[in-house]
Amino acid sequence: MKTTVYTVDATTPMLIHSTSFGSQTIYIQATTQDVHIGGSNVSAAVGLDVAKNTTTQLFLDEQETLYALAATGTATVKVLSPSNS
C-alpha cells in the first residue's frame, strides 16, 4: 500500500486517484476539513461528503477516476491505495 497526500481547493476539482488496470479498494481521509468526492463534475451538490478526520473506503472499478473538492478554502486529503496503482 502507498499513501499520497493532496491539497485540494474549493473551486477546481482535483484528480486524487485513477485506476489504469484492475479494480481497487482505496481509503480516503480528509484531515483538515470536510471534502466532496466524485467524478470530474464533483461539487457540494453532487459529490459525496467525507467528513474531517474520518476514513472512507471506496471500491473503484477499472478505468475509473476520483476527484475531490474542499468544502471551503483548501483541504488536505490522504489516499491509501495499492502499491501497484
Protein backbone atom coordinates (compact mmCIF):
# COMPACT_ATOMS: atom_id res chain seq x y z
CA MET A 1 0.00 0.00 0.00
CA LYS A 2 1.07 3.60 -0.51
CA THR A 3 -0.20 6.91 0.83
CA THR A 4 -0.48 10.03 -1.32
CA VAL A 5 -1.32 13.45 0.14
CA TYR A 6 -3.17 16.10 -1.87
CA THR A 7 -4.13 19.72 -1.22
CA VAL A 8 -7.45 20.49 -2.86
CA ASP A 9 -9.33 23.78 -3.12
CA ALA A 10 -12.98 24.73 -3.21
CA THR A 11 -13.13 25.89 -6.84
CA THR A 12 -11.44 23.33 -9.11
CA PRO A 13 -11.93 19.57 -8.67
CA MET A 14 -8.56 17.78 -8.33
CA LEU A 15 -7.87 14.28 -9.57
CA ILE A 16 -6.89 12.28 -6.47
CA HIS A 17 -6.92 8.72 -7.84
CA SER A 18 -7.36 6.74 -11.03
CA THR A 19 -7.27 3.04 -11.85
CA SER A 20 -5.49 2.03 -15.02
CA PHE A 21 -5.91 -1.74 -14.70
CA GLY A 22 -7.97 -3.90 -12.42
CA SER A 23 -10.35 -2.90 -9.67
CA GLN A 24 -9.05 -1.40 -6.42
CA THR A 25 -10.20 -0.63 -2.91
CA ILE A 26 -8.82 2.68 -1.64
CA TYR A 27 -9.17 4.64 1.58
CA ILE A 28 -9.66 8.40 1.76
CA GLN A 29 -9.19 10.65 4.78
CA ALA A 30 -9.88 14.39 4.93
CA THR A 31 -7.52 15.73 7.58
CA THR A 32 -8.12 19.48 7.73
CA GLN A 33 -11.79 19.91 6.82
CA ASP A 34 -14.69 18.24 5.04
CA VAL A 35 -14.33 17.46 1.32
CA HIS A 36 -16.60 16.35 -1.50
CA ILE A 37 -15.59 13.44 -3.75
CA GLY A 38 -16.92 12.22 -7.07
CA GLY A 39 -16.36 12.45 -10.81
CA SER A 40 -14.80 15.36 -12.68
CA ASN A 41 -18.03 17.34 -12.12
CA VAL A 42 -17.89 16.99 -8.32
CA SER A 43 -19.48 19.82 -6.33
CA ALA A 44 -21.20 20.28 -2.99
CA ALA A 45 -24.49 19.47 -4.74
CA VAL A 46 -23.47 16.23 -6.47
CA GLY A 47 -20.44 14.95 -4.54
CA LEU A 48 -20.27 12.53 -1.65
CA ASP A 49 -19.15 14.12 1.60
CA VAL A 50 -16.08 12.93 3.51
CA ALA A 51 -16.09 14.49 6.97
CA LYS A 52 -12.92 15.81 8.58
CA ASN A 53 -10.90 13.10 10.37
CA THR A 54 -12.98 10.21 9.05
CA THR A 55 -11.74 7.45 6.77
CA THR A 56 -13.89 6.36 3.84
CA GLN A 57 -13.38 3.09 1.97
CA LEU A 58 -14.16 3.10 -1.77
CA PHE A 59 -14.15 0.42 -4.42
CA LEU A 60 -13.08 1.71 -7.84
CA ASP A 61 -13.62 -0.35 -10.96
CA GLU A 62 -11.07 -0.46 -13.78
CA GLN A 63 -10.56 2.81 -15.69
CA GLU A 64 -12.27 4.95 -13.02
CA THR A 65 -11.18 8.39 -11.78
CA LEU A 66 -11.89 10.10 -8.48
CA TYR A 67 -11.85 13.84 -7.84
CA ALA A 68 -12.01 15.89 -4.63
CA LEU A 69 -13.13 19.41 -3.79
CA ALA A 70 -12.73 21.23 -0.47
CA ALA A 71 -15.89 22.39 1.30
CA THR A 72 -14.27 25.85 1.68
CA GLY A 73 -10.76 27.22 1.20
CA THR A 74 -8.24 24.38 0.94
CA ALA A 75 -8.20 20.90 2.43
CA THR A 76 -5.68 18.10 2.83
CA VAL A 77 -6.75 14.69 1.57
CA LYS A 78 -4.84 11.43 2.14
CA VAL A 79 -5.37 8.48 -0.21
CA LEU A 80 -4.20 4.97 0.72
CA SER A 81 -4.07 2.74 -2.35
CA PRO A 82 -2.41 -0.46 -3.59
CA SER A 83 1.28 -0.04 -4.42
CA ASN A 84 0.74 -1.19 -7.99
CA SER A 85 -1.75 1.57 -8.80
